Amino acid sequence: MKIAGELVTEKFDYDGGRQVTVYVPPDPPQAVVFAGDGQLISQWGGYLEAADVPPTMIVGAYRTSDEDEMVRIHEYSPPFDQQRFAAHERFFVEDVRRWVRSRFSVALPAKRTAVCGVSASGEFSLAMGLRHPDIYGTIFSASPGGGYRPPAVMPSPLPRTYLVAGTLEPFFLENATRWAGALRDAGADVEMRERVASHDDVMWREEFPLMVAWAFGR
């Protein structure tokens, strides 16, 4: 899809060289979405341009290039490898945000900032939102994996949270539904959507403009 905005890519020292691609909308951004699996999500700017949503920057941090899927899961999900998860968290929360502020002069308040992920990075978006609600006022989580589950005691305050999963991916739908119930019980503002879909990026990218509209207005 052609875009009117711009894609800017930077390589960071983290993990021997990790890329971040930023979609810069054609008009000054009124919101920003920080995303895991950035090689995928950073490419969705055109879908925002085609939708009735405010100009929104997408900051997409790429997943690991390691072919072992467990390495990606260990970066994105807190329970498995606390050291690797913490290193990636510092990269994502501190290094990437610092660069975005410097490079693009963008420093938006939490209520205009979301964290987004799909599948394993859907767990990561939930973890980042719960651990840093002062930074990410909204969580977008599509088809989250099941390694990271709702804590027995929820933190406060809680970000607004938009969850989506497909009826043809029952494992991921169960995970999303579990999170929706736990967050609602803790008093969070939650949107939970089910779609007739499997575990694929067609559903995720179609849902993305709806997430942005829900969080930041039309």
C-alpha atoms as a PDB file:
ATOM      1  CA  MET A   1       0.000   0.000   0.000  1.00  0.00           C
ATOM      2  CA  LYS A   2       1.337   3.442  -0.959  1.00  0.00           C
ATOM      3  CA  ILE A   3       1.642   5.952   1.844  1.00  0.00           C
ATOM      4  CA  ALA A   4       1.673   9.735   1.978  1.00  0.00           C
ATOM      5  CA  GLY A   5       3.803   9.610   5.098  1.00  0.00           C
ATOM      6  CA  GLU A   6       7.409   8.545   5.473  1.00  0.00           C
ATOM      7  CA  LEU A   7       9.229   5.471   6.789  1.00  0.00           C
ATOM      8  CA  VAL A   8      12.441   6.100   8.726  1.00  0.00           C
ATOM      9  CA  THR A   9      14.656   3.204   9.862  1.00  0.00           C
ATOM     10  CA  GLU A  10      17.447   3.276  12.440  1.00  0.00           C
ATOM     11  CA  LYS A  11      19.707   0.461  13.624  1.00  0.00           C
ATOM     12  CA  PHE A  12      20.461   0.314  17.347  1.00  0.00           C
ATOM     13  CA  ASP A  13      23.381  -1.406  19.079  1.00  0.00           C
ATOM     14  CA  TYR A  14      21.053  -3.631  21.099  1.00  0.00           C
ATOM     15  CA  ASP A  15      21.430  -7.364  20.371  1.00  0.00           C
ATOM     16  CA  GLY A  16      24.188  -6.819  17.827  1.00  0.00           C
ATOM     17  CA  GLY A  17      22.093  -4.433  15.746  1.00  0.00           C
ATOM     18  CA  ARG A  18      18.326  -4.199  16.080  1.00  0.00           C
ATOM     19  CA  GLN A  19      16.273  -2.116  13.666  1.00  0.00           C
ATOM     20  CA  VAL A  20      13.437   0.257  14.457  1.00  0.00           C
ATOM     21  CA  THR A  21      11.193   1.599  11.685  1.00  0.00           C
ATOM     22  CA  VAL A  22       9.021   4.646  12.272  1.00  0.00           C
ATOM     23  CA  TYR A  23       5.986   5.544  10.187  1.00  0.00           C
ATOM     24  CA  VAL A  24       5.776   9.341  10.215  1.00  0.00           C
ATOM     25  CA  PRO A  25       2.321  10.597   9.161  1.00  0.00           C
ATOM     26  CA  PRO A  26       2.097  13.458   6.647  1.00  0.00           C
ATOM     27  CA  ASP A  27       0.602  15.767   9.297  1.00  0.00           C
ATOM     28  CA  PRO A  28       2.037  16.423  12.787  1.00  0.00           C
ATOM     29  CA  PRO A  29       1.284  13.344  14.934  1.00  0.00           C
ATOM     30  CA  GLN A  30      -1.448  13.665  17.523  1.00  0.00           C
ATOM     31  CA  ALA A  31      -0.754  10.170  18.891  1.00  0.00           C
ATOM     32  CA  VAL A  32       2.033   7.611  18.863  1.00  0.00           C
ATOM     33  CA  VAL A  33       1.966   3.805  18.947  1.00  0.00           C
ATOM     34  CA  PHE A  34       5.078   1.936  20.097  1.00  0.00           C
ATOM     35  CA  ALA A  35       5.007  -1.631  18.789  1.00  0.00           C
ATOM     36  CA  GLY A  36       6.837  -4.912  19.057  1.00  0.00           C
ATOM     37  CA  ASP A  37       7.156  -7.001  15.888  1.00  0.00           C
ATOM     38  CA  GLY A  38       7.923  -3.678  14.248  1.00  0.00           C
ATOM     39  CA  GLN A  39       8.960  -5.148  10.898  1.00  0.00           C
ATOM     40  CA  LEU A  40       5.227  -5.920  10.512  1.00  0.00           C
ATOM     41  CA  ILE A  41       3.324  -3.201  12.381  1.00  0.00           C
ATOM     42  CA  SER A  42       5.392  -0.222  11.194  1.00  0.00           C
ATOM     43  CA  GLN A  43       4.130  -0.942   7.663  1.00  0.00           C
ATOM     44  CA  TRP A  44       0.493  -0.280   8.563  1.00  0.00           C
ATOM     45  CA  GLY A  45       0.583   3.502   8.229  1.00  0.00           C
ATOM     46  CA  GLY A  46      -1.301   3.392   4.955  1.00  0.00           C
ATOM     47  CA  TYR A  47      -4.252   1.752   6.688  1.00  0.00           C
ATOM     48  CA  LEU A  48      -4.377   4.663   9.114  1.00  0.00           C
ATOM     49  CA  GLU A  49      -4.225   7.157   6.248  1.00  0.00           C
ATOM     50  CA  ALA A  50      -7.229   5.433   4.662  1.00  0.00           C
ATOM     51  CA  ALA A  51      -9.197   5.565   7.920  1.00  0.00           C
ATOM     52  CA  ASP A  52     -10.811   8.456   9.759  1.00  0.00           C
ATOM     53  CA  VAL A  53      -8.273   8.681  12.571  1.00  0.00           C
ATOM     54  CA  PRO A  54      -5.942  11.405  13.881  1.00  0.00           C
ATOM     55  CA  PRO A  55      -2.394  11.506  12.463  1.00  0.00           C
ATOM     56  CA  THR A  56      -0.618   8.737  14.371  1.00  0.00           C
ATOM     57  CA  MET A  57       3.068   7.848  14.418  1.00  0.00           C
ATOM     58  CA  ILE A  58       4.005   4.143  14.564  1.00  0.00           C
ATOM     59  CA  VAL A  59       7.318   3.234  16.176  1.00  0.00           C
ATOM     60  CA  GLY A  60       8.045  -0.395  15.355  1.00  0.00           C
ATOM     61  CA  ALA A  61      10.912  -2.189  17.112  1.00  0.00           C
ATOM     62  CA  TYR A  62      11.847  -5.287  15.119  1.00  0.00           C
ATOM     63  CA  ARG A  63      11.770  -8.768  16.604  1.00  0.00           C
ATOM     64  CA  THR A  64      14.947 -10.754  17.043  1.00  0.00           C
ATOM     65  CA  SER A  65      16.548 -12.158  13.908  1.00  0.00           C
ATOM     66  CA  ASP A  66      17.227 -15.428  15.728  1.00  0.00           C
ATOM     67  CA  GLU A  67      15.306 -18.233  14.009  1.00  0.00           C
ATOM     68  CA  ASP A  68      14.560 -19.874  17.362  1.00  0.00           C
ATOM     69  CA  GLU A  69      11.000 -18.748  18.182  1.00  0.00           C
ATOM     70  CA  MET A  70      11.681 -19.210  21.897  1.00  0.00           C
ATOM     71  CA  VAL A  71      14.195 -16.345  21.793  1.00  0.00           C
ATOM     72  CA  ARG A  72      11.418 -14.021  20.610  1.00  0.00           C
ATOM     73  CA  ILE A  73       9.052 -15.340  23.286  1.00  0.00           C
ATOM     74  CA  HIS A  74      11.688 -14.848  25.989  1.00  0.00           C
ATOM     75  CA  GLU A  75      12.087 -11.203  24.961  1.00  0.00           C
ATOM     76  CA  TYR A  76       8.365 -10.571  24.916  1.00  0.00           C
ATOM     77  CA  SER A  77       6.986 -12.601  27.833  1.00  0.00           C
ATOM     78  CA  PRO A  78       8.158 -11.963  31.431  1.00  0.00           C
ATOM     79  CA  PRO A  79       7.919 -15.465  32.976  1.00  0.00           C
ATOM     80  CA  PHE A  80      10.570 -17.284  30.926  1.00  0.00           C
ATOM     81  CA  ASP A  81      13.913 -15.452  30.997  1.00  0.00           C
ATOM     82  CA  GLN A  82      13.874 -12.421  33.277  1.00  0.00           C
ATOM     83  CA  GLN A  83      17.323 -11.195  32.211  1.00  0.00           C
ATOM     84  CA  ARG A  84      16.573 -11.267  28.479  1.00  0.00           C
ATOM     85  CA  PHE A  85      13.117  -9.758  29.029  1.00  0.00           C
ATOM     86  CA  ALA A  86      14.576  -6.926  31.157  1.00  0.00           C
ATOM     87  CA  ALA A  87      17.247  -6.135  28.547  1.00  0.00           C
ATOM     88  CA  HIS A  88      14.645  -5.887  25.792  1.00  0.00           C
ATOM     89  CA  GLU A  89      12.362  -3.835  28.050  1.00  0.00           C
ATOM     90  CA  ARG A  90      15.154  -1.280  28.631  1.00  0.00           C
ATOM     91  CA  PHE A  91      15.819  -1.100  24.885  1.00  0.00           C
ATOM     92  CA  PHE A  92      12.137  -0.619  24.086  1.00  0.00           C
ATOM     93  CA  VAL A  93      11.120   1.723  26.897  1.00  0.00           C
ATOM     94  CA  GLU A  94      14.292   3.781  27.294  1.00  0.00           C
ATOM     95  CA  ASP A  95      16.493   3.675  24.178  1.00  0.00           C
ATOM     96  CA  VAL A  96      13.777   3.717  21.517  1.00  0.00           C
ATOM     97  CA  ARG A  97      11.700   6.404  23.243  1.00  0.00           C
ATOM     98  CA  ARG A  98      14.782   8.594  23.806  1.00  0.00           C
ATOM     99  CA  TRP A  99      15.671   8.362  20.112  1.00  0.00           C
ATOM    100  CA  VAL A 100      12.102   9.148  19.020  1.00  0.00           C
ATOM    101  CA  ARG A 101      12.024  12.261  21.198  1.00  0.00           C
ATOM    102  CA  SER A 102      15.382  13.416  19.820  1.00  0.00           C
ATOM    103  CA  ARG A 103      14.885  12.493  16.158  1.00  0.00           C
ATOM    104  CA  PHE A 104      11.265  13.549  15.695  1.00  0.00           C
ATOM    105  CA  SER A 105      10.690  15.996  18.594  1.00  0.00           C
ATOM    106  CA  VAL A 106       7.739  13.869  19.699  1.00  0.00           C
ATOM    107  CA  ALA A 107       6.991  13.507  23.399  1.00  0.00           C
ATOM    108  CA  LEU A 108       3.298  12.878  23.823  1.00  0.00           C
ATOM    109  CA  PRO A 109       1.495  12.287  27.141  1.00  0.00           C
ATOM    110  CA  ALA A 110       0.422   8.804  28.166  1.00  0.00           C
ATOM    111  CA  LYS A 111      -3.178   9.472  27.148  1.00  0.00           C
ATOM    112  CA  ARG A 112      -1.945   9.919  23.540  1.00  0.00           C
ATOM    113  CA  THR A 113       0.520   7.008  23.627  1.00  0.00           C
ATOM    114  CA  ALA A 114      -0.220   3.317  23.072  1.00  0.00           C
ATOM    115  CA  VAL A 115       1.814   0.118  23.109  1.00  0.00           C
ATOM    116  CA  CYS A 116       0.891  -2.526  20.547  1.00  0.00           C
ATOM    117  CA  GLY A 117       1.692  -6.144  19.788  1.00  0.00           C
ATOM    118  CA  VAL A 118       0.456  -9.280  18.077  1.00  0.00           C
ATOM    119  CA  SER A 119       0.778 -12.887  19.203  1.00  0.00           C
ATOM    120  CA  ALA A 120       3.899 -13.070  21.423  1.00  0.00           C
ATOM    121  CA  SER A 121       4.357  -9.308  21.232  1.00  0.00           C
ATOM    122  CA  GLY A 122       0.697  -9.062  22.249  1.00  0.00           C
ATOM    123  CA  GLU A 123       1.878 -10.427  25.598  1.00  0.00           C
ATOM    124  CA  PHE A 124       4.659  -7.854  25.531  1.00  0.00           C
ATOM    125  CA  SER A 125       2.228  -4.972  24.997  1.00  0.00           C
ATOM    126  CA  LEU A 126       0.215  -6.132  28.008  1.00  0.00           C
ATOM    127  CA  ALA A 127       3.354  -6.387  30.127  1.00  0.00           C
ATOM    128  CA  MET A 128       4.608  -2.942  29.072  1.00  0.00           C
ATOM    129  CA  GLY A 129       1.248  -1.319  29.688  1.00  0.00           C
ATOM    130  CA  LEU A 130       0.888  -2.804  33.155  1.00  0.00           C
ATOM    131  CA  ARG A 131       4.517  -2.075  34.092  1.00  0.00           C
ATOM    132  CA  HIS A 132       4.605   1.461  32.649  1.00  0.00           C
ATOM    133  CA  PRO A 133       1.109   2.993  32.778  1.00  0.00           C
ATOM    134  CA  ASP A 134       2.694   6.440  33.188  1.00  0.00           C
ATOM    135  CA  ILE A 135       4.138   6.054  29.662  1.00  0.00           C
ATOM    136  CA  TYR A 136       1.581   3.949  27.770  1.00  0.00           C
ATOM    137  CA  GLY A 137      -1.975   5.002  28.496  1.00  0.00           C
ATOM    138  CA  THR A 138      -3.434   2.423  26.114  1.00  0.00           C
ATOM    139  CA  ILE A 139      -2.654  -1.195  25.262  1.00  0.00           C
ATOM    140  CA  PHE A 140      -3.424  -2.766  21.876  1.00  0.00           C
ATOM    141  CA  SER A 141      -3.095  -6.555  22.108  1.00  0.00           C
ATOM    142  CA  ALA A 142      -4.043  -8.821  19.199  1.00  0.00           C
ATOM    143  CA  SER A 143      -4.128 -12.602  19.646  1.00  0.00           C
ATOM    144  CA  PRO A 144      -1.891 -12.597  22.741  1.00  0.00           C
ATOM    145  CA  GLY A 145       0.060 -15.715  23.658  1.00  0.00           C
ATOM    146  CA  GLY A 146      -0.501 -17.499  26.942  1.00  0.00           C
ATOM    147  CA  GLY A 147       2.859 -17.339  28.719  1.00  0.00           C
ATOM    148  CA  TYR A 148       2.132 -14.074  30.494  1.00  0.00           C
ATOM    149  CA  ARG A 149      -1.114 -14.189  32.432  1.00  0.00           C
ATOM    150  CA  PRO A 150      -2.980 -11.632  34.542  1.00  0.00           C
ATOM    151  CA  PRO A 151      -1.283 -11.123  37.914  1.00  0.00           C
ATOM    152  CA  ALA A 152      -3.201 -11.977  41.069  1.00  0.00           C
ATOM    153  CA  VAL A 153      -3.024  -8.323  42.104  1.00  0.00           C
ATOM    154  CA  MET A 154      -3.367  -5.803  39.314  1.00  0.00           C
ATOM    155  CA  PRO A 155      -1.340  -2.584  39.435  1.00  0.00           C
ATOM    156  CA  SER A 156      -2.999   0.810  39.593  1.00  0.00           C
ATOM    157  CA  PRO A 157      -3.663   2.777  37.509  1.00  0.00           C
ATOM    158  CA  LEU A 158      -4.450   0.489  34.582  1.00  0.00           C
ATOM    159  CA  PRO A 159      -4.196   1.532  30.931  1.00  0.00           C
ATOM    160  CA  ARG A 160      -7.207   1.353  28.659  1.00  0.00           C
ATOM    161  CA  THR A 161      -6.962  -1.926  26.760  1.00  0.00           C
ATOM    162  CA  TYR A 162      -8.192  -3.086  23.349  1.00  0.00           C
ATOM    163  CA  LEU A 163      -8.027  -6.849  22.770  1.00  0.00           C
ATOM    164  CA  VAL A 164      -8.907  -8.796  19.643  1.00  0.00           C
ATOM    165  CA  ALA A 165      -8.673 -12.456  18.674  1.00  0.00           C
ATOM    166  CA  GLY A 166     -10.178 -14.812  16.115  1.00  0.00           C
ATOM    167  CA  THR A 167     -12.734 -17.544  16.613  1.00  0.00           C
ATOM    168  CA  LEU A 168     -10.505 -19.826  14.481  1.00  0.00           C
ATOM    169  CA  GLU A 169      -7.571 -19.466  16.896  1.00  0.00           C
ATOM    170  CA  PRO A 170      -9.165 -20.756  20.127  1.00  0.00           C
ATOM    171  CA  PHE A 171      -5.948 -20.779  22.186  1.00  0.00           C
ATOM    172  CA  PHE A 172      -5.350 -17.080  21.522  1.00  0.00           C
ATOM    173  CA  LEU A 173      -9.020 -16.187  21.900  1.00  0.00           C
ATOM    174  CA  GLU A 174      -8.993 -17.831  25.330  1.00  0.00           C
ATOM    175  CA  ASN A 175      -5.939 -15.792  26.314  1.00  0.00           C
ATOM    176  CA  ALA A 176      -7.498 -12.527  25.145  1.00  0.00           C
ATOM    177  CA  THR A 177     -10.777 -13.300  26.905  1.00  0.00           C
ATOM    178  CA  ARG A 178      -8.923 -14.115  30.138  1.00  0.00           C
ATOM    179  CA  TRP A 179      -7.163 -10.767  30.036  1.00  0.00           C
ATOM    180  CA  ALA A 180     -10.355  -8.884  29.199  1.00  0.00           C
ATOM    181  CA  GLY A 181     -12.138 -10.384  32.207  1.00  0.00           C
ATOM    182  CA  ALA A 182      -9.265  -9.777  34.605  1.00  0.00           C
ATOM    183  CA  LEU A 183      -8.797  -6.174  33.498  1.00  0.00           C
ATOM    184  CA  ARG A 184     -12.519  -5.427  33.675  1.00  0.00           C
ATOM    185  CA  ASP A 185     -12.692  -6.952  37.155  1.00  0.00           C
ATOM    186  CA  ALA A 186      -9.868  -4.600  38.169  1.00  0.00           C
ATOM    187  CA  GLY A 187     -11.805  -1.594  36.860  1.00  0.00           C
ATOM    188  CA  ALA A 188     -10.010  -1.009  33.564  1.00  0.00           C
ATOM    189  CA  ASP A 189     -11.670   0.350  30.427  1.00  0.00           C
ATOM    190  CA  VAL A 190     -11.619  -2.659  28.078  1.00  0.00           C
ATOM    191  CA  GLU A 191     -12.715  -3.307  24.505  1.00  0.00           C
ATOM    192  CA  MET A 192     -12.773  -7.001  23.581  1.00  0.00           C
ATOM    193  CA  ARG A 193     -13.512  -8.036  19.996  1.00  0.00           C
ATOM    194  CA  GLU A 194     -13.910 -11.482  18.446  1.00  0.00           C
ATOM    195  CA  ARG A 195     -13.575 -11.921  14.703  1.00  0.00           C
ATOM    196  CA  VAL A 196     -14.069 -14.883  12.415  1.00  0.00           C
ATOM    197  CA  ALA A 197     -10.392 -15.226  11.663  1.00  0.00           C
ATOM    198  CA  SER A 198      -7.335 -17.354  12.284  1.00  0.00           C
ATOM    199  CA  HIS A 199      -3.893 -16.388  13.585  1.00  0.00           C
ATOM    200  CA  ASP A 200      -2.773 -14.105  10.769  1.00  0.00           C
ATOM    201  CA  ASP A 201      -1.816 -10.512  10.079  1.00  0.00           C
ATOM    202  CA  VAL A 202      -4.828  -9.804   7.853  1.00  0.00           C
ATOM    203  CA  MET A 203      -7.084  -9.595  10.906  1.00  0.00           C
ATOM    204  CA  TRP A 204      -4.492  -7.644  12.884  1.00  0.00           C
ATOM    205  CA  ARG A 205      -3.889  -4.963  10.276  1.00  0.00           C
ATOM    206  CA  GLU A 206      -7.618  -4.583   9.583  1.00  0.00           C
ATOM    207  CA  GLU A 207      -8.242  -4.121  13.297  1.00  0.00           C
ATOM    208  CA  PHE A 208      -5.393  -1.650  13.784  1.00  0.00           C
ATOM    209  CA  PRO A 209      -7.240   1.497  12.542  1.00  0.00           C
ATOM    210  CA  LEU A 210     -10.188   0.534  14.769  1.00  0.00           C
ATOM    211  CA  MET A 211      -7.827   0.350  17.741  1.00  0.00           C
ATOM    212  CA  VAL A 212      -6.432   3.798  16.969  1.00  0.00           C
ATOM    213  CA  ALA A 213      -9.908   5.273  16.497  1.00  0.00           C
ATOM    214  CA  TRP A 214     -11.059   3.779  19.822  1.00  0.00           C
ATOM    215  CA  ALA A 215      -8.048   5.124  21.700  1.00  0.00           C
ATOM    216  CA  PHE A 216      -7.518   8.517  20.132  1.00  0.00           C
ATOM    217  CA  GLY A 217     -10.816   9.530  18.547  1.00  0.00           C
ATOM    218  CA  ARG A 218     -11.878   9.903  14.961  1.00  0.00           C
END
